[in-house]
Structure formats: structure tokens, C-alpha cells
Amino acid sequence: MVKISTKDIFAQSLLKLSAKKSFEKISVKDIINDCGITKTTFYNHFRDKYDLAAWIYSTEAEKIMSKVDFKNYTWTNTLADWINYSFENKNFLRNLILNTSGQDSFINYVASVNIKIMFDYIKRSQKIENLPTDIEICVKVYCYGTVCTLCEMILKDCPIPAEDFIKFLENALPEPLKRFLL
């Protein structure tokens, strides 16, 4: 029997609640009432509901990116997993996209998580401590562009098939990054 973590219980609750109502209308009280765990326990794990939403996304992103180092797991596989996760969870993600803004903007958070993951992957794979400036800029341009495009696809119920969208994202990879990822 697998024991589910407290963080995962909160995550499941937020996912369930966000299927029913707007993210902005979900309170920490709603989350703790739904899962039957105390407010103190919630705040021992998360600063607020935005921190919980960020944890959900970053946990999934880390799971996807952690596979990159395995043999025969390509950048295309990574993109496919990311797109499939996004489409499978589109109602939750749509809710976050539409109902967060400013410093709590889900779009900004997702881009920053993806940038960090890509920075870390390239540094680890190249056994370097610092990325050259041109590579940093390419990573940022690619991540911001793909995140904004993916958010648009989620909001529009992806007018193109997932396989075509994955191919588009692979083709959009800046030339300097291809040596690291393809």
C-alpha cells in the first residue's frame, strides 16, 4: 500500500475544487474543509493556495524532466509528456491561467519553473556551473514562447492535434539549444 503525502492530499483537494469553481474563489478554508486537514498543517506545507498550485505544477514538471537523462528518452518525449499533462489537466490549468495575475500569475510561474529546469538540465548534462549568456537568453525566449503558446492552446481547447503541436514546439527550438536537447 502506497502512503499519500500530506502535500498530495492538499493537491488532490485543490484539483477537485478547481473543477467546480474559479481558482480565485477557492480559499484555503475550502481546501482544508475538503480534505479534513487542519489549517496549521496546510500552512506548515504551503504559504497560500498559489504556493500549492505552484507545487502541483513544479512537481509534475520535475517528474517529466527527470526522465530526460534516461536512455532513449528524447526532447520530443519530454514535450509530449508536457503537452499530454497540460491537456489532461486543462480545466485546472485554464482555471489558473484565467484567475491568476501579477506576481501570482501562473503563466509567469510556469515559465520560470521551465527556465530553471532547462538551465539545470543543460548545466548538469554539460557538467558546467554557469551557462553562457546566449544560451540563457535562448532558454528564456523558448520557455516564455512555448508557455504562452501552450496557455493559448489550453484556453482555445487546442485547435490543432497534440501531435502537431508537439512537432511545432520541437521545430521552434532555437538552433543553439538543439545540441543540448535533440
N, C-alpha and C. Protein backbone atom coordinates (compact mmCIF):
# COMPACT_ATOMS: atom_id res chain seq x y z
N MET A 1 0.83 -1.17 0.00
CA MET A 1 0.00 0.00 0.00
C MET A 1 0.89 1.25 0.00
N VAL A 2 0.59 2.19 -0.89
CA VAL A 2 1.36 3.42 -1.00
C VAL A 2 0.72 4.50 -0.13
N LYS A 3 1.53 5.13 0.70
CA LYS A 3 1.04 6.19 1.57
C LYS A 3 1.11 7.51 0.80
N ILE A 4 0.01 8.23 0.79
CA ILE A 4 -0.05 9.52 0.10
C ILE A 4 0.42 10.61 1.06
N SER A 5 1.22 11.52 0.55
CA SER A 5 1.76 12.58 1.39
C SER A 5 0.70 13.64 1.68
N THR A 6 0.94 14.41 2.71
CA THR A 6 0.03 15.50 3.07
C THR A 6 -0.06 16.51 1.93
N LYS A 7 1.08 16.81 1.32
CA LYS A 7 1.07 17.75 0.19
C LYS A 7 0.20 17.21 -0.94
N ASP A 8 0.30 15.92 -1.21
CA ASP A 8 -0.52 15.32 -2.27
C ASP A 8 -2.01 15.38 -1.93
N ILE A 9 -2.34 15.23 -0.67
CA ILE A 9 -3.75 15.33 -0.25
C ILE A 9 -4.27 16.74 -0.53
N PHE A 10 -3.49 17.75 -0.17
CA PHE A 10 -3.89 19.12 -0.46
C PHE A 10 -4.00 19.34 -1.97
N ALA A 11 -3.08 18.79 -2.72
CA ALA A 11 -3.09 18.93 -4.18
C ALA A 11 -4.35 18.30 -4.77
N GLN A 12 -4.68 17.11 -4.34
CA GLN A 12 -5.89 16.44 -4.84
C GLN A 12 -7.13 17.27 -4.52
N SER A 13 -7.16 17.85 -3.35
CA SER A 13 -8.29 18.68 -2.95
C SER A 13 -8.41 19.90 -3.85
N LEU A 14 -7.29 20.59 -4.09
CA LEU A 14 -7.32 21.77 -4.95
C LEU A 14 -7.75 21.40 -6.37
N LEU A 15 -7.23 20.30 -6.89
CA LEU A 15 -7.62 19.87 -8.23
C LEU A 15 -9.12 19.58 -8.29
N LYS A 16 -9.64 18.93 -7.27
CA LYS A 16 -11.07 18.61 -7.23
C LYS A 16 -11.91 19.89 -7.15
N LEU A 17 -11.51 20.79 -6.27
CA LEU A 17 -12.27 22.04 -6.11
C LEU A 17 -12.21 22.92 -7.36
N SER A 18 -11.05 22.94 -8.02
CA SER A 18 -10.90 23.79 -9.20
C SER A 18 -11.71 23.29 -10.38
N ALA A 19 -12.14 22.05 -10.33
CA ALA A 19 -13.02 21.53 -11.38
C ALA A 19 -14.44 22.07 -11.21
N LYS A 20 -14.74 22.55 -10.00
CA LYS A 20 -16.10 23.02 -9.70
C LYS A 20 -16.24 24.53 -9.69
N LYS A 21 -15.15 25.24 -9.33
CA LYS A 21 -15.28 26.69 -9.25
C LYS A 21 -13.97 27.39 -9.57
N SER A 22 -14.08 28.67 -9.79
CA SER A 22 -12.94 29.51 -10.17
C SER A 22 -11.85 29.46 -9.11
N PHE A 23 -10.60 29.42 -9.55
CA PHE A 23 -9.46 29.38 -8.64
C PHE A 23 -9.50 30.56 -7.67
N GLU A 24 -9.86 31.73 -8.18
CA GLU A 24 -9.88 32.92 -7.31
C GLU A 24 -10.92 32.80 -6.20
N LYS A 25 -11.93 31.97 -6.39
CA LYS A 25 -12.98 31.81 -5.37
C LYS A 25 -12.69 30.65 -4.40
N ILE A 26 -11.63 29.90 -4.66
CA ILE A 26 -11.24 28.82 -3.75
C ILE A 26 -10.37 29.40 -2.65
N SER A 27 -10.73 29.12 -1.43
CA SER A 27 -9.95 29.61 -0.29
C SER A 27 -9.18 28.45 0.36
N VAL A 28 -8.23 28.80 1.18
CA VAL A 28 -7.52 27.77 1.95
C VAL A 28 -8.52 27.03 2.83
N LYS A 29 -9.49 27.76 3.36
CA LYS A 29 -10.52 27.12 4.18
C LYS A 29 -11.27 26.05 3.38
N ASP A 30 -11.59 26.35 2.11
CA ASP A 30 -12.25 25.36 1.25
C ASP A 30 -11.39 24.11 1.11
N ILE A 31 -10.11 24.32 0.90
CA ILE A 31 -9.18 23.20 0.71
C ILE A 31 -9.10 22.34 1.97
N ILE A 32 -8.92 22.99 3.12
CA ILE A 32 -8.78 22.20 4.35
C ILE A 32 -10.09 21.52 4.73
N ASN A 33 -11.22 22.18 4.46
CA ASN A 33 -12.52 21.55 4.74
C ASN A 33 -12.73 20.34 3.84
N ASP A 34 -12.30 20.46 2.59
CA ASP A 34 -12.48 19.36 1.64
C ASP A 34 -11.67 18.13 2.04
N CYS A 35 -10.45 18.35 2.50
CA CYS A 35 -9.60 17.19 2.79
C CYS A 35 -9.54 16.83 4.28
N GLY A 36 -10.14 17.67 5.14
CA GLY A 36 -10.20 17.33 6.55
C GLY A 36 -8.88 17.44 7.29
N ILE A 37 -8.02 18.31 6.84
CA ILE A 37 -6.73 18.52 7.50
C ILE A 37 -6.71 19.94 8.04
N THR A 38 -6.02 20.15 9.12
CA THR A 38 -6.06 21.45 9.80
C THR A 38 -5.38 22.56 9.01
N LYS A 39 -5.80 23.77 9.33
CA LYS A 39 -5.23 24.98 8.74
C LYS A 39 -3.74 25.08 9.05
N THR A 40 -3.39 24.75 10.30
CA THR A 40 -1.98 24.79 10.71
C THR A 40 -1.14 23.85 9.84
N THR A 41 -1.66 22.66 9.58
CA THR A 41 -0.93 21.72 8.73
C THR A 41 -0.76 22.27 7.33
N PHE A 42 -1.82 22.89 6.81
CA PHE A 42 -1.71 23.49 5.47
C PHE A 42 -0.56 24.49 5.46
N TYR A 43 -0.56 25.41 6.42
CA TYR A 43 0.46 26.47 6.45
C TYR A 43 1.85 25.95 6.83
N ASN A 44 1.94 24.76 7.37
CA ASN A 44 3.25 24.13 7.58
C ASN A 44 3.85 23.67 6.25
N HIS A 45 3.00 23.48 5.25
CA HIS A 45 3.45 22.99 3.95
C HIS A 45 3.45 24.05 2.85
N PHE A 46 2.51 24.99 2.90
CA PHE A 46 2.36 25.99 1.83
C PHE A 46 2.07 27.36 2.41
N ARG A 47 2.55 28.40 1.69
CA ARG A 47 2.28 29.78 2.11
C ARG A 47 0.81 30.16 1.87
N ASP A 48 0.28 29.69 0.73
CA ASP A 48 -1.09 30.02 0.35
C ASP A 48 -1.50 29.09 -0.79
N LYS A 49 -2.68 29.31 -1.36
CA LYS A 49 -3.17 28.44 -2.42
C LYS A 49 -2.32 28.58 -3.69
N TYR A 50 -1.71 29.73 -3.89
CA TYR A 50 -0.84 29.92 -5.06
C TYR A 50 0.41 29.06 -4.94
N ASP A 51 0.94 28.99 -3.74
CA ASP A 51 2.10 28.15 -3.47
C ASP A 51 1.75 26.68 -3.71
N LEU A 52 0.56 26.27 -3.30
CA LEU A 52 0.09 24.90 -3.55
C LEU A 52 -0.03 24.64 -5.05
N ALA A 53 -0.65 25.55 -5.79
CA ALA A 53 -0.80 25.38 -7.24
C ALA A 53 0.58 25.30 -7.91
N ALA A 54 1.49 26.14 -7.45
CA ALA A 54 2.85 26.11 -8.00
C ALA A 54 3.53 24.78 -7.69
N TRP A 55 3.32 24.28 -6.49
CA TRP A 55 3.91 22.98 -6.12
C TRP A 55 3.37 21.87 -7.01
N ILE A 56 2.08 21.90 -7.27
CA ILE A 56 1.47 20.88 -8.15
C ILE A 56 2.16 20.89 -9.50
N TYR A 57 2.27 22.08 -10.10
CA TYR A 57 2.88 22.17 -11.42
C TYR A 57 4.35 21.78 -11.38
N SER A 58 5.10 22.32 -10.43
CA SER A 58 6.54 22.05 -10.42
C SER A 58 6.84 20.58 -10.14
N THR A 59 6.01 19.93 -9.33
CA THR A 59 6.18 18.51 -9.07
C THR A 59 5.99 17.71 -10.36
N GLU A 60 4.96 18.03 -11.11
CA GLU A 60 4.72 17.34 -12.38
C GLU A 60 5.82 17.65 -13.39
N ALA A 61 6.24 18.91 -13.45
CA ALA A 61 7.31 19.29 -14.39
C ALA A 61 8.61 18.56 -14.06
N GLU A 62 8.93 18.45 -12.78
CA GLU A 62 10.15 17.73 -12.36
C GLU A 62 10.06 16.25 -12.74
N LYS A 63 8.88 15.64 -12.57
CA LYS A 63 8.72 14.23 -12.95
C LYS A 63 8.99 14.05 -14.44
N ILE A 64 8.47 14.97 -15.23
CA ILE A 64 8.65 14.88 -16.68
C ILE A 64 10.12 15.10 -17.04
N MET A 65 10.72 16.16 -16.51
CA MET A 65 12.10 16.49 -16.87
C MET A 65 13.11 15.49 -16.31
N SER A 66 12.77 14.82 -15.22
CA SER A 66 13.72 13.87 -14.63
C SER A 66 13.97 12.67 -15.55
N LYS A 67 13.08 12.43 -16.49
CA LYS A 67 13.24 11.31 -17.42
C LYS A 67 14.26 11.61 -18.52
N VAL A 68 14.58 12.88 -18.73
CA VAL A 68 15.44 13.28 -19.84
C VAL A 68 16.79 12.57 -19.81
N ASP A 69 17.31 12.29 -18.65
CA ASP A 69 18.63 11.65 -18.55
C ASP A 69 18.62 10.16 -18.88
N PHE A 70 17.43 9.58 -18.96
CA PHE A 70 17.36 8.16 -19.26
C PHE A 70 17.58 7.90 -20.74
N LYS A 71 18.19 6.76 -21.02
CA LYS A 71 18.47 6.36 -22.40
C LYS A 71 17.17 6.28 -23.19
N ASN A 72 17.22 6.75 -24.42
CA ASN A 72 16.09 6.71 -25.35
C ASN A 72 14.92 7.60 -24.96
N TYR A 73 15.10 8.50 -24.03
CA TYR A 73 14.05 9.46 -23.69
C TYR A 73 14.48 10.80 -24.28
N THR A 74 13.83 11.18 -25.36
CA THR A 74 14.25 12.35 -26.14
C THR A 74 13.52 13.62 -25.70
N TRP A 75 13.98 14.74 -26.26
CA TRP A 75 13.30 16.01 -26.01
C TRP A 75 11.86 15.94 -26.52
N THR A 76 11.65 15.24 -27.62
CA THR A 76 10.29 15.06 -28.14
C THR A 76 9.42 14.32 -27.12
N ASN A 77 9.98 13.31 -26.45
CA ASN A 77 9.24 12.62 -25.39
C ASN A 77 8.87 13.59 -24.26
N THR A 78 9.81 14.46 -23.91
CA THR A 78 9.57 15.45 -22.87
C THR A 78 8.44 16.38 -23.27
N LEU A 79 8.50 16.88 -24.49
CA LEU A 79 7.44 17.77 -24.98
C LEU A 79 6.09 17.05 -24.99
N ALA A 80 6.10 15.80 -25.44
CA ALA A 80 4.85 15.02 -25.49
C ALA A 80 4.27 14.84 -24.09
N ASP A 81 5.11 14.51 -23.12
CA ASP A 81 4.64 14.35 -21.74
C ASP A 81 4.07 15.67 -21.20
N TRP A 82 4.76 16.77 -21.49
CA TRP A 82 4.34 18.08 -21.01
C TRP A 82 2.99 18.47 -21.64
N ILE A 83 2.86 18.27 -22.94
CA ILE A 83 1.61 18.60 -23.64
C ILE A 83 0.49 17.68 -23.15
N ASN A 84 0.77 16.41 -23.04
CA ASN A 84 -0.26 15.47 -22.56
C ASN A 84 -0.72 15.82 -21.15
N TYR A 85 0.23 16.12 -20.26
CA TYR A 85 -0.13 16.54 -18.91
C TYR A 85 -1.02 17.79 -18.97
N SER A 86 -0.62 18.75 -19.78
CA SER A 86 -1.36 20.02 -19.88
C SER A 86 -2.78 19.79 -20.41
N PHE A 87 -2.91 18.95 -21.42
CA PHE A 87 -4.24 18.71 -21.99
C PHE A 87 -5.10 17.86 -21.06
N GLU A 88 -4.49 16.91 -20.35
CA GLU A 88 -5.24 16.09 -19.40
C GLU A 88 -5.73 16.92 -18.20
N ASN A 89 -5.00 17.97 -17.88
CA ASN A 89 -5.34 18.82 -16.74
C ASN A 89 -5.77 20.21 -17.18
N LYS A 90 -6.31 20.30 -18.39
CA LYS A 90 -6.60 21.61 -18.97
C LYS A 90 -7.61 22.42 -18.16
N ASN A 91 -8.58 21.78 -17.52
CA ASN A 91 -9.56 22.55 -16.74
C ASN A 91 -8.89 23.23 -15.54
N PHE A 92 -8.04 22.48 -14.85
CA PHE A 92 -7.30 23.05 -13.73
C PHE A 92 -6.37 24.16 -14.22
N LEU A 93 -5.62 23.89 -15.28
CA LEU A 93 -4.68 24.88 -15.79
C LEU A 93 -5.40 26.10 -16.35
N ARG A 94 -6.51 25.89 -17.05
CA ARG A 94 -7.31 27.01 -17.57
C ARG A 94 -7.76 27.89 -16.41
N ASN A 95 -8.20 27.27 -15.34
CA ASN A 95 -8.63 28.00 -14.16
C ASN A 95 -7.49 28.87 -13.62
N LEU A 96 -6.29 28.29 -13.55
CA LEU A 96 -5.13 29.06 -13.06
C LEU A 96 -4.74 30.17 -14.02
N ILE A 97 -4.76 29.89 -15.31
CA ILE A 97 -4.40 30.91 -16.31
C ILE A 97 -5.34 32.10 -16.23
N LEU A 98 -6.63 31.81 -16.15
CA LEU A 98 -7.64 32.87 -16.17
C LEU A 98 -7.77 33.62 -14.84
N ASN A 99 -7.38 32.99 -13.76
CA ASN A 99 -7.67 33.57 -12.45
C ASN A 99 -6.46 33.89 -11.60
N THR A 100 -5.31 34.03 -12.24
CA THR A 100 -4.12 34.49 -11.51
C THR A 100 -3.49 35.62 -12.33
N SER A 101 -2.86 36.54 -11.64
CA SER A 101 -2.23 37.66 -12.35
C SER A 101 -1.12 38.24 -11.49
N GLY A 102 -0.42 39.18 -12.06
CA GLY A 102 0.65 39.86 -11.34
C GLY A 102 1.72 38.90 -10.87
N GLN A 103 2.22 39.11 -9.65
CA GLN A 103 3.29 38.25 -9.12
C GLN A 103 2.82 36.83 -8.93
N ASP A 104 1.49 36.62 -8.82
CA ASP A 104 0.94 35.28 -8.66
C ASP A 104 0.51 34.67 -9.99
N SER A 105 0.88 35.29 -11.09
CA SER A 105 0.48 34.80 -12.41
C SER A 105 1.03 33.39 -12.65
N PHE A 106 0.13 32.51 -12.97
CA PHE A 106 0.53 31.14 -13.24
C PHE A 106 1.43 31.07 -14.47
N ILE A 107 1.15 31.89 -15.47
CA ILE A 107 1.96 31.90 -16.70
C ILE A 107 3.41 32.26 -16.36
N ASN A 108 3.61 33.29 -15.56
CA ASN A 108 4.98 33.68 -15.17
C ASN A 108 5.64 32.58 -14.35
N TYR A 109 4.87 31.98 -13.47
CA TYR A 109 5.43 30.91 -12.64
C TYR A 109 5.86 29.72 -13.50
N VAL A 110 5.00 29.29 -14.41
CA VAL A 110 5.32 28.14 -15.26
C VAL A 110 6.56 28.43 -16.09
N ALA A 111 6.64 29.62 -16.66
CA ALA A 111 7.82 29.97 -17.45
C ALA A 111 9.08 29.92 -16.58
N SER A 112 9.01 30.47 -15.36
CA SER A 112 10.21 30.47 -14.51
C SER A 112 10.60 29.05 -14.08
N VAL A 113 9.63 28.19 -13.82
CA VAL A 113 9.94 26.79 -13.48
C VAL A 113 10.59 26.11 -14.67
N ASN A 114 10.03 26.29 -15.85
CA ASN A 114 10.60 25.65 -17.04
C ASN A 114 12.01 26.15 -17.34
N ILE A 115 12.22 27.44 -17.15
CA ILE A 115 13.56 28.01 -17.36
C ILE A 115 14.55 27.37 -16.39
N LYS A 116 14.19 27.31 -15.12
CA LYS A 116 15.09 26.71 -14.12
C LYS A 116 15.39 25.25 -14.45
N ILE A 117 14.36 24.50 -14.80
CA ILE A 117 14.55 23.09 -15.12
C ILE A 117 15.48 22.94 -16.33
N MET A 118 15.27 23.76 -17.35
CA MET A 118 16.10 23.66 -18.54
C MET A 118 17.54 24.11 -18.24
N PHE A 119 17.70 25.19 -17.47
CA PHE A 119 19.04 25.62 -17.05
C PHE A 119 19.76 24.48 -16.33
N ASP A 120 19.07 23.91 -15.34
CA ASP A 120 19.67 22.83 -14.55
C ASP A 120 20.03 21.63 -15.42
N TYR A 121 19.15 21.26 -16.33
CA TYR A 121 19.42 20.12 -17.20
C TYR A 121 20.66 20.37 -18.07
N ILE A 122 20.73 21.53 -18.69
CA ILE A 122 21.87 21.82 -19.58
C ILE A 122 23.17 21.87 -18.77
N LYS A 123 23.14 22.53 -17.61
CA LYS A 123 24.35 22.59 -16.78
C LYS A 123 24.79 21.20 -16.34
N ARG A 124 23.82 20.37 -15.94
CA ARG A 124 24.14 19.01 -15.50
C ARG A 124 24.68 18.17 -16.66
N SER A 125 24.03 18.26 -17.81
CA SER A 125 24.45 17.43 -18.95
C SER A 125 25.80 17.87 -19.50
N GLN A 126 26.12 19.15 -19.39
CA GLN A 126 27.39 19.68 -19.89
C GLN A 126 28.46 19.76 -18.82
N LYS A 127 28.07 19.43 -17.57
CA LYS A 127 28.98 19.47 -16.43
C LYS A 127 29.64 20.86 -16.29
N ILE A 128 28.77 21.88 -16.32
CA ILE A 128 29.22 23.26 -16.15
C ILE A 128 28.42 23.92 -15.04
N GLU A 129 28.99 24.98 -14.45
CA GLU A 129 28.30 25.68 -13.37
C GLU A 129 27.47 26.85 -13.87
N ASN A 130 27.93 27.51 -14.94
CA ASN A 130 27.24 28.68 -15.45
C ASN A 130 27.00 28.52 -16.95
N LEU A 131 25.84 28.97 -17.38
CA LEU A 131 25.52 28.92 -18.80
C LEU A 131 26.04 30.17 -19.49
N PRO A 132 26.48 30.03 -20.73
CA PRO A 132 26.83 31.22 -21.50
C PRO A 132 25.57 32.10 -21.68
N THR A 133 25.76 33.40 -21.75
CA THR A 133 24.64 34.34 -21.85
C THR A 133 23.72 34.02 -23.02
N ASP A 134 24.30 33.67 -24.18
CA ASP A 134 23.45 33.40 -25.35
C ASP A 134 22.55 32.19 -25.12
N ILE A 135 23.03 31.19 -24.41
CA ILE A 135 22.22 30.01 -24.10
C ILE A 135 21.12 30.38 -23.11
N GLU A 136 21.45 31.18 -22.09
CA GLU A 136 20.44 31.64 -21.14
C GLU A 136 19.31 32.37 -21.85
N ILE A 137 19.67 33.27 -22.76
CA ILE A 137 18.65 34.04 -23.49
C ILE A 137 17.81 33.12 -24.36
N CYS A 138 18.44 32.18 -25.05
CA CYS A 138 17.68 31.23 -25.88
C CYS A 138 16.70 30.42 -25.04
N VAL A 139 17.14 29.97 -23.87
CA VAL A 139 16.26 29.19 -22.99
C VAL A 139 15.07 30.05 -22.58
N LYS A 140 15.32 31.29 -22.19
CA LYS A 140 14.23 32.17 -21.75
C LYS A 140 13.25 32.45 -22.88
N VAL A 141 13.77 32.77 -24.06
CA VAL A 141 12.89 33.04 -25.21
C VAL A 141 12.05 31.81 -25.52
N TYR A 142 12.68 30.66 -25.55
CA TYR A 142 11.96 29.42 -25.86
C TYR A 142 10.91 29.11 -24.80
N CYS A 143 11.27 29.21 -23.53
CA CYS A 143 10.33 28.87 -22.45
C CYS A 143 9.16 29.85 -22.41
N TYR A 144 9.43 31.14 -22.46
CA TYR A 144 8.32 32.11 -22.45
C TYR A 144 7.42 31.91 -23.66
N GLY A 145 8.02 31.69 -24.81
CA GLY A 145 7.23 31.49 -26.02
C GLY A 145 6.38 30.23 -25.98
N THR A 146 6.98 29.13 -25.54
CA THR A 146 6.22 27.87 -25.51
C THR A 146 5.13 27.91 -24.43
N VAL A 147 5.43 28.50 -23.29
CA VAL A 147 4.43 28.58 -22.22
C VAL A 147 3.24 29.45 -22.66
N CYS A 148 3.52 30.60 -23.23
CA CYS A 148 2.42 31.47 -23.68
C CYS A 148 1.60 30.79 -24.78
N THR A 149 2.28 30.11 -25.68
CA THR A 149 1.57 29.40 -26.76
C THR A 149 0.74 28.26 -26.19
N LEU A 150 1.31 27.50 -25.27
CA LEU A 150 0.56 26.40 -24.65
C LEU A 150 -0.66 26.94 -23.90
N CYS A 151 -0.50 28.03 -23.18
CA CYS A 151 -1.64 28.62 -22.46
C CYS A 151 -2.73 29.03 -23.44
N GLU A 152 -2.34 29.59 -24.55
CA GLU A 152 -3.32 29.95 -25.58
C GLU A 152 -4.03 28.71 -26.10
N MET A 153 -3.28 27.62 -26.32
CA MET A 153 -3.89 26.38 -26.79
C MET A 153 -4.86 25.81 -25.76
N ILE A 154 -4.50 25.91 -24.49
CA ILE A 154 -5.38 25.42 -23.42
C ILE A 154 -6.66 26.25 -23.38
N LEU A 155 -6.53 27.56 -23.49
CA LEU A 155 -7.70 28.43 -23.44
C LEU A 155 -8.61 28.24 -24.65
N LYS A 156 -8.03 27.86 -25.78
CA LYS A 156 -8.82 27.68 -27.02
C LYS A 156 -9.15 26.22 -27.28
N ASP A 157 -8.98 25.35 -26.29
CA ASP A 157 -9.19 23.91 -26.48
C ASP A 157 -8.37 23.35 -27.63
N CYS A 158 -7.15 23.80 -27.76
CA CYS A 158 -6.17 23.37 -28.75
C CYS A 158 -6.80 23.08 -30.12
N PRO A 159 -6.80 24.07 -30.97
CA PRO A 159 -7.39 23.89 -32.29
C PRO A 159 -6.59 22.96 -33.23
N ILE A 160 -5.43 22.49 -32.76
CA ILE A 160 -4.65 21.55 -33.56
C ILE A 160 -4.42 20.28 -32.74
N PRO A 161 -4.20 19.14 -33.40
CA PRO A 161 -3.94 17.90 -32.64
C PRO A 161 -2.65 18.01 -31.81
N ALA A 162 -2.63 17.34 -30.68
CA ALA A 162 -1.47 17.38 -29.78
C ALA A 162 -0.18 17.01 -30.50
N GLU A 163 -0.23 15.99 -31.38
CA GLU A 163 0.98 15.56 -32.09
C GLU A 163 1.55 16.68 -32.95
N ASP A 164 0.67 17.44 -33.60
CA ASP A 164 1.12 18.57 -34.43
C ASP A 164 1.70 19.68 -33.56
N PHE A 165 1.09 19.91 -32.41
CA PHE A 165 1.57 20.95 -31.51
C PHE A 165 2.95 20.57 -30.97
N ILE A 166 3.13 19.30 -30.63
CA ILE A 166 4.43 18.82 -30.15
C ILE A 166 5.50 19.04 -31.22
N LYS A 167 5.19 18.72 -32.45
CA LYS A 167 6.12 18.90 -33.56
C LYS A 167 6.46 20.39 -33.73
N PHE A 168 5.45 21.25 -33.59
CA PHE A 168 5.67 22.68 -33.68
C PHE A 168 6.66 23.13 -32.60
N LEU A 169 6.47 22.68 -31.37
CA LEU A 169 7.36 23.08 -30.27
C LEU A 169 8.78 22.56 -30.47
N GLU A 170 8.88 21.37 -31.03
CA GLU A 170 10.20 20.82 -31.33
C GLU A 170 10.88 21.65 -32.42
N ASN A 171 10.14 22.02 -33.45
CA ASN A 171 10.70 22.82 -34.55
C ASN A 171 11.03 24.24 -34.12
N ALA A 172 10.36 24.74 -33.07
CA ALA A 172 10.60 26.10 -32.60
C ALA A 172 11.83 26.22 -31.71
N LEU A 173 12.43 25.09 -31.37
CA LEU A 173 13.61 25.11 -30.51
C LEU A 173 14.73 25.91 -31.18
N PRO A 174 15.26 26.94 -30.50
CA PRO A 174 16.33 27.75 -31.08
C PRO A 174 17.55 26.88 -31.43
N GLU A 175 18.19 27.20 -32.52
CA GLU A 175 19.34 26.43 -33.01
C GLU A 175 20.40 26.18 -31.94
N PRO A 176 20.79 27.20 -31.14
CA PRO A 176 21.83 26.96 -30.13
C PRO A 176 21.44 25.92 -29.07
N LEU A 177 20.13 25.67 -28.86
CA LEU A 177 19.70 24.71 -27.85
C LEU A 177 19.61 23.29 -28.40
N LYS A 178 19.58 23.16 -29.70
CA LYS A 178 19.39 21.83 -30.30
C LYS A 178 20.51 20.87 -29.91
N ARG A 179 21.73 21.36 -29.79
CA ARG A 179 22.84 20.48 -29.44
C ARG A 179 22.71 19.90 -28.04
N PHE A 180 21.95 20.58 -27.17
CA PHE A 180 21.73 20.09 -25.81
C PHE A 180 20.52 19.18 -25.71
N LEU A 181 19.52 19.42 -26.56
CA LEU A 181 18.22 18.78 -26.36
C LEU A 181 17.81 17.80 -27.46
N LEU A 182 18.39 17.90 -28.64
CA LEU A 182 18.00 17.00 -29.70
C LEU A 182 19.07 15.95 -29.97
